[in-house]
Amino acid sequence: MIPLIPRVPHGGPGAQPFTGLDFSVNANPYGPSPRLIQAVRDADHAHYPDPTYGWVRERLAAWHGLSPAEVTPAVGASELLHRLARLCLSDGGSLLSLHAPFGELARAAALLGAPVSVVPEVPDTLPEGTRLVYVGYPHNPTGLAPTPETLLTLAGRCHEVGALLIVDEAYAPFVALSAPPRHPALLRLLSPGKAHGLVGARPAYALAAPDVIVALDNLAPAWHVPAGTAGVLAALPHAARFLAETLPRVAAHAATLADDLRLLGRVEHHGTPFLTLRVGDARALSADLLAAGVRVRDCASYGLPDCIRVSTRLPGENRVLVRELHARLAVGGRHG
């Protein structure tokens, strides 16, 4: 039987209601995008959607300059990552991740009993048996991103050993990274709900070679994307104005927050909406902040037990976070 694997920790609400300030979710604080909210409202919720989602594939393909055969929609990046794990790791293959992988991918590998190895930099050669390679572009929570040239080199190494490279672009819109290069062994994973402040709709899709898309579609149940989410995906090409108006402000707020927190500890920030702050006992501090109505994300599951991750909110809300952290981390504070 498949082993029972505990759920991985994520940002956002837990089992108990929370009405405070949540800095644990990496999403655009100016969301949700009005254009995409309207797409949800306009969707035909009374009938089953086209089971092939042909119209969604066509719109996304035209937007990216690809063929519809190179696009597949999904409900959240997590759902696609679980399918990718089943596709590539079911025969005993292993997962290699540049820095800590997204928790859902690590859990998907664990459910299959697949080994997971984490490396701090792109290796010259891939370990024997590697079938799946994961790269955050940029990575969460470090904010680091390889160059497109490095991605192309890594894709070539994957092709040589029969592995697939996942390039996770969840936070790419925030830092205006160049699109990854096309390669038959490279899959682009996009979850635009974060940049559009619409994570609850769970829009996601993958761009890959047609044979990979066919294999992923084979692992999906019928009508796996609800009408509202499909409508959001189809509307993405017409929703760029919201990003152009809000993402520069998000970047400025995050930079200011990083500067304010550097007075309290070591900050790692590379232009993303989120940053990490070294605090000592991150779990204890997170629990203390939660009791005060402020939620942050401790980074123990990323292998950084002395760090918290915070994502910018609006300036006034950020000042509350700085004040609460200062009370606990400044000289004489409870966690100082």
C-alpha atoms as a PDB file:
ATOM      1  CA  MET A   1       0.000   0.000   0.000  1.00  0.00           C
ATOM      2  CA  ILE A   2       1.048   3.588  -0.552  1.00  0.00           C
ATOM      3  CA  PRO A   3       2.565   4.885   2.715  1.00  0.00           C
ATOM      4  CA  LEU A   4       0.791   7.536   4.764  1.00  0.00           C
ATOM      5  CA  ILE A   5       2.927  10.644   4.360  1.00  0.00           C
ATOM      6  CA  PRO A   6       2.107  13.744   6.455  1.00  0.00           C
ATOM      7  CA  ARG A   7       1.133  16.853   4.561  1.00  0.00           C
ATOM      8  CA  VAL A   8       3.964  19.273   4.013  1.00  0.00           C
ATOM      9  CA  PRO A   9       3.721  22.692   5.694  1.00  0.00           C
ATOM     10  CA  HIS A  10       2.650  25.605   3.519  1.00  0.00           C
ATOM     11  CA  GLY A  11       1.959  29.253   4.013  1.00  0.00           C
ATOM     12  CA  GLY A  12      -1.589  30.480   4.367  1.00  0.00           C
ATOM     13  CA  PRO A  13      -4.388  29.532   6.742  1.00  0.00           C
ATOM     14  CA  GLY A  14      -4.227  26.457   8.898  1.00  0.00           C
ATOM     15  CA  ALA A  15      -6.962  24.337  10.404  1.00  0.00           C
ATOM     16  CA  GLN A  16      -7.906  27.087  12.841  1.00  0.00           C
ATOM     17  CA  PRO A  17      -9.476  30.367  11.659  1.00  0.00           C
ATOM     18  CA  PHE A  18      -6.981  33.227  11.406  1.00  0.00           C
ATOM     19  CA  THR A  19      -7.953  36.891  11.191  1.00  0.00           C
ATOM     20  CA  GLY A  20      -4.567  38.554  11.684  1.00  0.00           C
ATOM     21  CA  LEU A  21      -1.913  39.691   9.200  1.00  0.00           C
ATOM     22  CA  ASP A  22      -0.633  36.829   7.042  1.00  0.00           C
ATOM     23  CA  PHE A  23       2.903  37.283   5.701  1.00  0.00           C
ATOM     24  CA  SER A  24       3.291  33.565   4.936  1.00  0.00           C
ATOM     25  CA  VAL A  25       1.654  33.597   1.480  1.00  0.00           C
ATOM     26  CA  ASN A  26       3.737  34.709  -1.498  1.00  0.00           C
ATOM     27  CA  ALA A  27       1.015  36.471  -3.459  1.00  0.00           C
ATOM     28  CA  ASN A  28       0.434  39.924  -4.897  1.00  0.00           C
ATOM     29  CA  PRO A  29      -1.085  41.994  -2.040  1.00  0.00           C
ATOM     30  CA  TYR A  30      -2.941  44.153  -4.585  1.00  0.00           C
ATOM     31  CA  GLY A  31      -4.913  41.179  -5.875  1.00  0.00           C
ATOM     32  CA  PRO A  32      -7.057  39.715  -7.003  1.00  0.00           C
ATOM     33  CA  SER A  33      -6.799  40.800 -10.607  1.00  0.00           C
ATOM     34  CA  PRO A  34     -10.188  42.321 -11.605  1.00  0.00           C
ATOM     35  CA  ARG A  35      -9.968  40.878 -15.125  1.00  0.00           C
ATOM     36  CA  LEU A  36      -9.446  37.358 -13.814  1.00  0.00           C
ATOM     37  CA  ILE A  37     -12.154  37.652 -11.156  1.00  0.00           C
ATOM     38  CA  GLN A  38     -14.523  38.566 -13.975  1.00  0.00           C
ATOM     39  CA  ALA A  39     -13.379  35.480 -15.892  1.00  0.00           C
ATOM     40  CA  VAL A  40     -14.396  33.314 -12.927  1.00  0.00           C
ATOM     41  CA  ARG A  41     -17.813  34.989 -12.801  1.00  0.00           C
ATOM     42  CA  ASP A  42     -18.356  34.648 -16.542  1.00  0.00           C
ATOM     43  CA  ALA A  43     -17.487  30.950 -16.656  1.00  0.00           C
ATOM     44  CA  ASP A  44     -20.212  28.410 -17.414  1.00  0.00           C
ATOM     45  CA  HIS A  45     -20.504  26.693 -14.034  1.00  0.00           C
ATOM     46  CA  ALA A  46     -23.730  24.914 -14.998  1.00  0.00           C
ATOM     47  CA  HIS A  47     -22.185  22.551 -17.546  1.00  0.00           C
ATOM     48  CA  TYR A  48     -19.159  20.319 -17.881  1.00  0.00           C
ATOM     49  CA  PRO A  49     -16.275  22.062 -19.654  1.00  0.00           C
ATOM     50  CA  ASP A  50     -14.745  20.764 -22.856  1.00  0.00           C
ATOM     51  CA  PRO A  51     -12.894  17.653 -21.581  1.00  0.00           C
ATOM     52  CA  THR A  52      -9.887  18.430 -23.800  1.00  0.00           C
ATOM     53  CA  TYR A  53      -9.757  22.110 -22.744  1.00  0.00           C
ATOM     54  CA  GLY A  54      -8.913  22.848 -26.365  1.00  0.00           C
ATOM     55  CA  TRP A  55      -9.865  26.521 -26.184  1.00  0.00           C
ATOM     56  CA  VAL A  56      -7.653  27.044 -23.128  1.00  0.00           C
ATOM     57  CA  ARG A  57      -4.708  25.337 -24.801  1.00  0.00           C
ATOM     58  CA  GLU A  58      -5.167  27.377 -27.974  1.00  0.00           C
ATOM     59  CA  ARG A  59      -5.179  30.735 -26.178  1.00  0.00           C
ATOM     60  CA  LEU A  60      -2.178  29.916 -24.002  1.00  0.00           C
ATOM     61  CA  ALA A  61      -0.283  28.416 -26.946  1.00  0.00           C
ATOM     62  CA  ALA A  62      -0.830  31.502 -29.103  1.00  0.00           C
ATOM     63  CA  TRP A  63       0.294  33.716 -26.218  1.00  0.00           C
ATOM     64  CA  HIS A  64       3.550  31.768 -25.797  1.00  0.00           C
ATOM     65  CA  GLY A  65       4.163  31.177 -29.492  1.00  0.00           C
ATOM     66  CA  LEU A  66       3.686  27.404 -29.205  1.00  0.00           C
ATOM     67  CA  SER A  67       1.293  24.797 -30.542  1.00  0.00           C
ATOM     68  CA  PRO A  68      -1.701  23.645 -28.441  1.00  0.00           C
ATOM     69  CA  ALA A  69      -0.027  20.228 -28.249  1.00  0.00           C
ATOM     70  CA  GLU A  70       2.672  21.818 -26.064  1.00  0.00           C
ATOM     71  CA  VAL A  71       0.257  23.097 -23.365  1.00  0.00           C
ATOM     72  CA  THR A  72      -1.692  21.387 -20.588  1.00  0.00           C
ATOM     73  CA  PRO A  73      -3.857  23.108 -17.934  1.00  0.00           C
ATOM     74  CA  ALA A  74      -4.040  22.084 -14.287  1.00  0.00           C
ATOM     75  CA  VAL A  75      -5.482  22.940 -10.891  1.00  0.00           C
ATOM     76  CA  GLY A  76      -2.452  24.336  -9.125  1.00  0.00           C
ATOM     77  CA  ALA A  77       1.218  23.526  -9.586  1.00  0.00           C
ATOM     78  CA  SER A  78       0.912  20.895  -6.854  1.00  0.00           C
ATOM     79  CA  GLU A  79      -1.432  18.775  -8.956  1.00  0.00           C
ATOM     80  CA  LEU A  80       0.949  18.893 -11.911  1.00  0.00           C
ATOM     81  CA  LEU A  81       3.930  18.039  -9.716  1.00  0.00           C
ATOM     82  CA  HIS A  82       2.175  14.945  -8.393  1.00  0.00           C
ATOM     83  CA  ARG A  83       1.472  13.856 -11.976  1.00  0.00           C
ATOM     84  CA  LEU A  84       5.069  14.527 -12.959  1.00  0.00           C
ATOM     85  CA  ALA A  85       6.299  12.405 -10.063  1.00  0.00           C
ATOM     86  CA  ARG A  86       4.050   9.526 -11.138  1.00  0.00           C
ATOM     87  CA  LEU A  87       5.234   9.905 -14.702  1.00  0.00           C
ATOM     88  CA  CYS A  88       8.967   9.960 -13.976  1.00  0.00           C
ATOM     89  CA  LEU A  89       9.536   8.294 -10.607  1.00  0.00           C
ATOM     90  CA  SER A  90       7.208   5.291 -10.570  1.00  0.00           C
ATOM     91  CA  ASP A  91       9.871   2.933 -11.964  1.00  0.00           C
ATOM     92  CA  GLY A  92      12.439   3.573  -9.238  1.00  0.00           C
ATOM     93  CA  GLY A  93      13.936   6.785 -10.583  1.00  0.00           C
ATOM     94  CA  SER A  94      15.172   9.555  -8.300  1.00  0.00           C
ATOM     95  CA  LEU A  95      14.538  13.286  -7.936  1.00  0.00           C
ATOM     96  CA  LEU A  96      17.335  15.853  -7.919  1.00  0.00           C
ATOM     97  CA  SER A  97      16.544  19.392  -6.735  1.00  0.00           C
ATOM     98  CA  LEU A  98      18.628  22.543  -6.998  1.00  0.00           C
ATOM     99  CA  HIS A  99      18.170  23.816  -3.431  1.00  0.00           C
ATOM    100  CA  ALA A 100      15.221  22.431  -1.443  1.00  0.00           C
ATOM    101  CA  PRO A 101      12.305  21.343  -3.651  1.00  0.00           C
ATOM    102  CA  PHE A 102       8.783  22.653  -3.322  1.00  0.00           C
ATOM    103  CA  GLY A 103       7.234  20.590  -0.538  1.00  0.00           C
ATOM    104  CA  GLU A 104       4.504  19.014  -2.659  1.00  0.00           C
ATOM    105  CA  LEU A 105       7.059  17.591  -5.084  1.00  0.00           C
ATOM    106  CA  ALA A 106       9.083  16.129  -2.228  1.00  0.00           C
ATOM    107  CA  ARG A 107       5.897  14.603  -0.812  1.00  0.00           C
ATOM    108  CA  ALA A 108       4.923  13.195  -4.209  1.00  0.00           C
ATOM    109  CA  ALA A 109       8.332  11.538  -4.436  1.00  0.00           C
ATOM    110  CA  ALA A 110       7.974  10.161  -0.906  1.00  0.00           C
ATOM    111  CA  LEU A 111       4.589   8.647  -1.750  1.00  0.00           C
ATOM    112  CA  LEU A 112       6.329   6.723  -4.526  1.00  0.00           C
ATOM    113  CA  GLY A 113       9.310   5.770  -2.370  1.00  0.00           C
ATOM    114  CA  ALA A 114      11.622   7.704  -4.696  1.00  0.00           C
ATOM    115  CA  PRO A 115      14.959   9.030  -3.411  1.00  0.00           C
ATOM    116  CA  VAL A 116      15.380  12.811  -3.257  1.00  0.00           C
ATOM    117  CA  SER A 117      18.738  14.568  -3.331  1.00  0.00           C
ATOM    118  CA  VAL A 118      19.311  18.301  -2.869  1.00  0.00           C
ATOM    119  CA  VAL A 119      22.330  20.097  -4.338  1.00  0.00           C
ATOM    120  CA  PRO A 120      23.522  23.699  -3.769  1.00  0.00           C
ATOM    121  CA  GLU A 121      24.560  24.264  -7.387  1.00  0.00           C
ATOM    122  CA  VAL A 122      24.027  22.751 -10.821  1.00  0.00           C
ATOM    123  CA  PRO A 123      26.073  19.532 -10.946  1.00  0.00           C
ATOM    124  CA  ASP A 124      28.463  18.735 -13.787  1.00  0.00           C
ATOM    125  CA  THR A 125      26.897  15.288 -14.088  1.00  0.00           C
ATOM    126  CA  LEU A 126      23.592  13.865 -12.912  1.00  0.00           C
ATOM    127  CA  PRO A 127      23.621  10.948 -10.463  1.00  0.00           C
ATOM    128  CA  GLU A 128      22.766   7.567 -11.915  1.00  0.00           C
ATOM    129  CA  GLY A 129      19.036   6.909 -11.892  1.00  0.00           C
ATOM    130  CA  THR A 130      18.004  10.589 -11.968  1.00  0.00           C
ATOM    131  CA  ARG A 131      14.694  10.880 -13.790  1.00  0.00           C
ATOM    132  CA  LEU A 132      13.384  14.224 -12.558  1.00  0.00           C
ATOM    133  CA  VAL A 133      15.255  17.475 -11.865  1.00  0.00           C
ATOM    134  CA  TYR A 134      13.616  20.465 -10.171  1.00  0.00           C
ATOM    135  CA  VAL A 135      14.705  24.099 -10.382  1.00  0.00           C
ATOM    136  CA  GLY A 136      12.881  27.082  -8.909  1.00  0.00           C
ATOM    137  CA  TYR A 137      13.086  30.035 -11.285  1.00  0.00           C
ATOM    138  CA  PRO A 138      13.470  31.856  -8.933  1.00  0.00           C
ATOM    139  CA  HIS A 139      13.725  29.448  -6.042  1.00  0.00           C
ATOM    140  CA  ASN A 140      11.507  29.639  -2.968  1.00  0.00           C
ATOM    141  CA  PRO A 141      12.624  30.677  -0.356  1.00  0.00           C
ATOM    142  CA  THR A 142      16.167  31.683  -1.428  1.00  0.00           C
ATOM    143  CA  GLY A 143      15.112  33.850  -4.378  1.00  0.00           C
ATOM    144  CA  LEU A 144      18.076  32.557  -6.411  1.00  0.00           C
ATOM    145  CA  ALA A 145      17.687  31.745 -10.117  1.00  0.00           C
ATOM    146  CA  PRO A 146      20.057  30.153 -12.633  1.00  0.00           C
ATOM    147  CA  THR A 147      20.694  31.862 -15.952  1.00  0.00           C
ATOM    148  CA  PRO A 148      18.842  30.717 -19.092  1.00  0.00           C
ATOM    149  CA  GLU A 149      22.180  29.432 -20.381  1.00  0.00           C
ATOM    150  CA  THR A 150      22.579  27.292 -17.274  1.00  0.00           C
ATOM    151  CA  LEU A 151      19.056  25.940 -17.710  1.00  0.00           C
ATOM    152  CA  LEU A 152      19.830  24.980 -21.298  1.00  0.00           C
ATOM    153  CA  THR A 153      22.994  23.184 -20.214  1.00  0.00           C
ATOM    154  CA  LEU A 154      21.116  21.351 -17.475  1.00  0.00           C
ATOM    155  CA  ALA A 155      18.340  20.385 -19.896  1.00  0.00           C
ATOM    156  CA  GLY A 156      20.964  18.894 -22.182  1.00  0.00           C
ATOM    157  CA  ARG A 157      22.346  16.795 -19.318  1.00  0.00           C
ATOM    158  CA  CYS A 158      18.822  15.645 -18.482  1.00  0.00           C
ATOM    159  CA  HIS A 159      18.238  14.645 -22.104  1.00  0.00           C
ATOM    160  CA  GLU A 160      21.407  12.528 -22.084  1.00  0.00           C
ATOM    161  CA  VAL A 161      20.222  10.399 -19.134  1.00  0.00           C
ATOM    162  CA  GLY A 162      16.482  10.308 -19.896  1.00  0.00           C
ATOM    163  CA  ALA A 163      15.472  12.789 -17.199  1.00  0.00           C
ATOM    164  CA  LEU A 164      12.988  15.676 -17.317  1.00  0.00           C
ATOM    165  CA  LEU A 165      13.844  19.157 -16.061  1.00  0.00           C
ATOM    166  CA  ILE A 166      11.060  21.057 -14.259  1.00  0.00           C
ATOM    167  CA  VAL A 167      11.510  24.826 -14.271  1.00  0.00           C
ATOM    168  CA  ASP A 168       9.076  26.247 -11.713  1.00  0.00           C
ATOM    169  CA  GLU A 169       8.179  29.817 -12.707  1.00  0.00           C
ATOM    170  CA  ALA A 170       5.708  30.591  -9.930  1.00  0.00           C
ATOM    171  CA  TYR A 171       7.578  33.782  -8.984  1.00  0.00           C
ATOM    172  CA  ALA A 172       9.177  34.674 -12.318  1.00  0.00           C
ATOM    173  CA  PRO A 173       6.689  37.514 -13.058  1.00  0.00           C
ATOM    174  CA  PHE A 174       7.786  39.323  -9.897  1.00  0.00           C
ATOM    175  CA  VAL A 175      11.426  39.548 -11.010  1.00  0.00           C
ATOM    176  CA  ALA A 176      10.978  39.765 -14.814  1.00  0.00           C
ATOM    177  CA  LEU A 177      13.167  36.781 -15.617  1.00  0.00           C
ATOM    178  CA  SER A 178      13.749  35.822 -19.237  1.00  0.00           C
ATOM    179  CA  ALA A 179      11.684  32.903 -20.473  1.00  0.00           C
ATOM    180  CA  PRO A 180      13.512  29.576 -20.146  1.00  0.00           C
ATOM    181  CA  PRO A 181      14.920  28.195 -23.394  1.00  0.00           C
ATOM    182  CA  ARG A 182      12.951  25.612 -25.360  1.00  0.00           C
ATOM    183  CA  HIS A 183      14.298  22.086 -25.068  1.00  0.00           C
ATOM    184  CA  PRO A 184      12.631  18.664 -25.399  1.00  0.00           C
ATOM    185  CA  ALA A 185      13.755  17.736 -21.863  1.00  0.00           C
ATOM    186  CA  LEU A 186      12.561  20.987 -20.230  1.00  0.00           C
ATOM    187  CA  LEU A 187       9.086  21.560 -18.804  1.00  0.00           C
ATOM    188  CA  ARG A 188       7.950  25.033 -17.780  1.00  0.00           C
ATOM    189  CA  LEU A 189       5.600  25.030 -14.786  1.00  0.00           C
ATOM    190  CA  LEU A 190       3.534  28.201 -14.425  1.00  0.00           C
ATOM    191  CA  SER A 191       1.148  29.113 -11.604  1.00  0.00           C
ATOM    192  CA  PRO A 192       0.033  32.695 -12.340  1.00  0.00           C
ATOM    193  CA  GLY A 193      -2.324  32.945  -9.371  1.00  0.00           C
ATOM    194  CA  LYS A 194       0.509  34.289  -7.212  1.00  0.00           C
ATOM    195  CA  ALA A 195       1.348  37.248  -9.413  1.00  0.00           C
ATOM    196  CA  HIS A 196      -2.341  38.005  -9.984  1.00  0.00           C
ATOM    197  CA  GLY A 197      -3.271  37.647  -6.293  1.00  0.00           C
ATOM    198  CA  LEU A 198      -5.708  34.865  -7.113  1.00  0.00           C
ATOM    199  CA  VAL A 199      -4.227  31.777  -5.465  1.00  0.00           C
ATOM    200  CA  GLY A 200      -7.640  30.466  -4.413  1.00  0.00           C
ATOM    201  CA  ALA A 201      -8.630  29.820  -8.035  1.00  0.00           C
ATOM    202  CA  ARG A 202      -5.558  27.545  -8.408  1.00  0.00           C
ATOM    203  CA  PRO A 203      -4.713  28.345 -12.060  1.00  0.00           C
ATOM    204  CA  ALA A 204      -1.677  26.509 -13.430  1.00  0.00           C
ATOM    205  CA  TYR A 205      -0.365  25.050 -16.648  1.00  0.00           C
ATOM    206  CA  ALA A 206       2.702  23.407 -18.127  1.00  0.00           C
ATOM    207  CA  LEU A 207       4.560  24.010 -21.376  1.00  0.00           C
ATOM    208  CA  ALA A 208       6.559  21.067 -22.674  1.00  0.00           C
ATOM    209  CA  ALA A 209       7.266  18.848 -25.660  1.00  0.00           C
ATOM    210  CA  PRO A 210       4.129  17.189 -27.113  1.00  0.00           C
ATOM    211  CA  ASP A 211       5.102  13.690 -25.938  1.00  0.00           C
ATOM    212  CA  VAL A 212       5.446  14.947 -22.352  1.00  0.00           C
ATOM    213  CA  ILE A 213       2.096  16.735 -22.555  1.00  0.00           C
ATOM    214  CA  VAL A 214       0.393  13.585 -23.863  1.00  0.00           C
ATOM    215  CA  ALA A 215       1.851  11.581 -20.983  1.00  0.00           C
ATOM    216  CA  LEU A 216       0.702  14.157 -18.416  1.00  0.00           C
ATOM    217  CA  ASP A 217      -2.787  14.315 -19.897  1.00  0.00           C
ATOM    218  CA  ASN A 218      -2.993  10.534 -19.627  1.00  0.00           C
ATOM    219  CA  LEU A 219      -2.547  10.809 -15.856  1.00  0.00           C
ATOM    220  CA  ALA A 220      -5.299  13.407 -15.378  1.00  0.00           C
ATOM    221  CA  PRO A 221      -8.906  12.484 -14.569  1.00  0.00           C
ATOM    222  CA  ALA A 222     -11.711  13.739 -16.785  1.00  0.00           C
ATOM    223  CA  TRP A 223     -12.740  17.383 -16.318  1.00  0.00           C
ATOM    224  CA  HIS A 224      -9.936  17.909 -13.840  1.00  0.00           C
ATOM    225  CA  VAL A 225      -9.966  21.720 -14.263  1.00  0.00           C
ATOM    226  CA  PRO A 226     -13.166  23.488 -13.091  1.00  0.00           C
ATOM    227  CA  ALA A 227     -14.842  25.942 -15.435  1.00  0.00           C
ATOM    228  CA  GLY A 228     -13.805  28.983 -13.397  1.00  0.00           C
ATOM    229  CA  THR A 229     -10.151  28.003 -13.319  1.00  0.00           C
ATOM    230  CA  ALA A 230     -10.210  27.216 -17.043  1.00  0.00           C
ATOM    231  CA  GLY A 231     -11.710  30.658 -17.623  1.00  0.00           C
ATOM    232  CA  VAL A 232      -8.905  32.287 -15.659  1.00  0.00           C
ATOM    233  CA  LEU A 233      -6.267  30.479 -17.709  1.00  0.00           C
ATOM    234  CA  ALA A 234      -7.898  31.490 -20.987  1.00  0.00           C
ATOM    235  CA  ALA A 235      -8.062  35.137 -19.850  1.00  0.00           C
ATOM    236  CA  LEU A 236      -4.391  35.402 -18.860  1.00  0.00           C
ATOM    237  CA  PRO A 237      -3.212  36.915 -22.168  1.00  0.00           C
ATOM    238  CA  HIS A 238      -5.564  39.853 -21.571  1.00  0.00           C
ATOM    239  CA  ALA A 239      -4.683  40.440 -17.908  1.00  0.00           C
ATOM    240  CA  ALA A 240      -1.166  41.876 -18.256  1.00  0.00           C
ATOM    241  CA  ARG A 241      -2.182  45.433 -17.356  1.00  0.00           C
ATOM    242  CA  PHE A 242      -2.808  44.477 -13.729  1.00  0.00           C
ATOM    243  CA  LEU A 243       0.721  43.073 -13.459  1.00  0.00           C
ATOM    244  CA  ALA A 244       2.263  46.139 -15.090  1.00  0.00           C
ATOM    245  CA  GLU A 245       0.472  48.400 -12.610  1.00  0.00           C
ATOM    246  CA  THR A 246       1.047  46.438  -9.413  1.00  0.00           C
ATOM    247  CA  LEU A 247       4.259  44.405  -9.606  1.00  0.00           C
ATOM    248  CA  PRO A 248       6.614  47.424  -9.546  1.00  0.00           C
ATOM    249  CA  ARG A 249       4.898  48.548  -6.346  1.00  0.00           C
ATOM    250  CA  VAL A 250       5.203  45.061  -4.870  1.00  0.00           C
ATOM    251  CA  ALA A 251       8.932  45.073  -5.645  1.00  0.00           C
ATOM    252  CA  ALA A 252       9.371  48.466  -3.974  1.00  0.00           C
ATOM    253  CA  HIS A 253       7.479  47.360  -0.848  1.00  0.00           C
ATOM    254  CA  ALA A 254       9.575  44.189  -0.609  1.00  0.00           C
ATOM    255  CA  ALA A 255      12.826  46.125  -0.967  1.00  0.00           C
ATOM    256  CA  THR A 256      11.803  48.544   1.791  1.00  0.00           C
ATOM    257  CA  LEU A 257      10.802  45.675   4.047  1.00  0.00           C
ATOM    258  CA  ALA A 258      14.147  43.971   3.447  1.00  0.00           C
ATOM    259  CA  ASP A 259      16.006  47.164   4.376  1.00  0.00           C
ATOM    260  CA  ASP A 260      13.971  47.555   7.575  1.00  0.00           C
ATOM    261  CA  LEU A 261      14.595  43.955   8.639  1.00  0.00           C
ATOM    262  CA  ARG A 262      18.354  44.072   8.056  1.00  0.00           C
ATOM    263  CA  LEU A 263      18.581  45.925  11.369  1.00  0.00           C
ATOM    264  CA  LEU A 264      17.373  42.733  13.075  1.00  0.00           C
ATOM    265  CA  GLY A 265      19.367  39.978  11.379  1.00  0.00           C
ATOM    266  CA  ARG A 266      20.718  38.574   8.169  1.00  0.00           C
ATOM    267  CA  VAL A 267      18.296  39.088   5.290  1.00  0.00           C
ATOM    268  CA  GLU A 268      18.389  37.237   1.967  1.00  0.00           C
ATOM    269  CA  HIS A 269      16.415  39.066  -0.692  1.00  0.00           C
ATOM    270  CA  HIS A 270      16.848  38.895  -4.464  1.00  0.00           C
ATOM    271  CA  GLY A 271      13.950  40.929  -5.804  1.00  0.00           C
ATOM    272  CA  THR A 272      11.134  38.481  -5.085  1.00  0.00           C
ATOM    273  CA  PRO A 273       8.069  39.471  -3.035  1.00  0.00           C
ATOM    274  CA  PHE A 274       9.428  37.269  -0.244  1.00  0.00           C
ATOM    275  CA  LEU A 275      12.634  37.296   1.774  1.00  0.00           C
ATOM    276  CA  THR A 276      14.227  35.271   4.542  1.00  0.00           C
ATOM    277  CA  LEU A 277      15.387  36.592   7.904  1.00  0.00           C
ATOM    278  CA  ARG A 278      17.743  34.676  10.177  1.00  0.00           C
ATOM    279  CA  VAL A 279      16.204  34.705  13.650  1.00  0.00           C
ATOM    280  CA  GLY A 280      17.577  31.772  15.652  1.00  0.00           C
ATOM    281  CA  ASP A 281      14.730  29.492  16.709  1.00  0.00           C
ATOM    282  CA  ALA A 282      12.348  30.097  13.811  1.00  0.00           C
ATOM    283  CA  ARG A 283       9.588  27.799  15.042  1.00  0.00           C
ATOM    284  CA  ALA A 284       9.454  29.395  18.472  1.00  0.00           C
ATOM    285  CA  LEU A 285       9.424  32.881  16.983  1.00  0.00           C
ATOM    286  CA  SER A 286       6.726  31.920  14.469  1.00  0.00           C
ATOM    287  CA  ALA A 287       4.520  30.600  17.255  1.00  0.00           C
ATOM    288  CA  ASP A 288       5.102  33.749  19.307  1.00  0.00           C
ATOM    289  CA  LEU A 289       4.185  35.981  16.364  1.00  0.00           C
ATOM    290  CA  LEU A 290       1.101  33.903  15.595  1.00  0.00           C
ATOM    291  CA  ALA A 291      -0.159  34.476  19.126  1.00  0.00           C
ATOM    292  CA  ALA A 292       0.199  38.200  18.443  1.00  0.00           C
ATOM    293  CA  GLY A 293      -1.856  37.960  15.231  1.00  0.00           C
ATOM    294  CA  VAL A 294       1.018  37.857  12.729  1.00  0.00           C
ATOM    295  CA  ARG A 295       1.690  34.773  10.608  1.00  0.00           C
ATOM    296  CA  VAL A 296       5.097  34.080   9.042  1.00  0.00           C
ATOM    297  CA  ARG A 297       6.552  30.922   7.514  1.00  0.00           C
ATOM    298  CA  ASP A 298       9.334  29.129   9.348  1.00  0.00           C
ATOM    299  CA  CYS A 299      11.817  27.557   6.931  1.00  0.00           C
ATOM    300  CA  ALA A 300      12.579  24.321   8.772  1.00  0.00           C
ATOM    301  CA  SER A 301      11.063  22.248   5.955  1.00  0.00           C
ATOM    302  CA  TYR A 302      13.500  23.930   3.550  1.00  0.00           C
ATOM    303  CA  GLY A 303      16.465  22.950   5.691  1.00  0.00           C
ATOM    304  CA  LEU A 304      16.739  26.440   7.214  1.00  0.00           C
ATOM    305  CA  PRO A 305      15.508  26.026  10.810  1.00  0.00           C
ATOM    306  CA  ASP A 306      16.984  29.370  11.864  1.00  0.00           C
ATOM    307  CA  CYS A 307      15.121  31.412   9.246  1.00  0.00           C
ATOM    308  CA  ILE A 308      11.635  32.732   8.693  1.00  0.00           C
ATOM    309  CA  ARG A 309      10.208  33.681   5.310  1.00  0.00           C
ATOM    310  CA  VAL A 310       7.962  36.690   4.973  1.00  0.00           C
ATOM    311  CA  SER A 311       6.220  38.018   1.897  1.00  0.00           C
ATOM    312  CA  THR A 312       5.471  41.703   1.552  1.00  0.00           C
ATOM    313  CA  ARG A 313       2.046  43.077   2.212  1.00  0.00           C
ATOM    314  CA  LEU A 314       1.099  46.751   1.960  1.00  0.00           C
ATOM    315  CA  PRO A 315       3.368  49.340   3.648  1.00  0.00           C
ATOM    316  CA  GLY A 316       1.223  49.917   6.730  1.00  0.00           C
ATOM    317  CA  GLU A 317       0.926  46.186   7.329  1.00  0.00           C
ATOM    318  CA  ASN A 318       4.665  45.734   6.819  1.00  0.00           C
ATOM    319  CA  ARG A 319       5.294  48.271   9.563  1.00  0.00           C
ATOM    320  CA  VAL A 320       3.299  46.097  11.964  1.00  0.00           C
ATOM    321  CA  LEU A 321       5.517  43.116  11.120  1.00  0.00           C
ATOM    322  CA  VAL A 322       8.692  45.150  11.620  1.00  0.00           C
ATOM    323  CA  ARG A 323       7.422  46.403  14.975  1.00  0.00           C
ATOM    324  CA  GLU A 324       6.521  42.914  16.207  1.00  0.00           C
ATOM    325  CA  LEU A 325       9.843  41.479  15.061  1.00  0.00           C
ATOM    326  CA  HIS A 326      11.779  44.362  16.597  1.00  0.00           C
ATOM    327  CA  ALA A 327      10.116  43.697  19.952  1.00  0.00           C
ATOM    328  CA  ARG A 328      11.335  40.110  19.823  1.00  0.00           C
ATOM    329  CA  LEU A 329      14.710  40.323  18.069  1.00  0.00           C
ATOM    330  CA  ALA A 330      16.249  43.646  19.061  1.00  0.00           C
ATOM    331  CA  VAL A 331      18.669  43.718  21.979  1.00  0.00           C
ATOM    332  CA  GLY A 332      16.757  42.794  25.095  1.00  0.00           C
ATOM    333  CA  GLY A 333      13.821  41.355  23.133  1.00  0.00           C
ATOM    334  CA  ARG A 334      12.380  37.978  24.043  1.00  0.00           C
ATOM    335  CA  HIS A 335      14.182  36.205  21.150  1.00  0.00           C
ATOM    336  CA  GLY A 336      17.209  38.512  21.086  1.00  0.00           C
END
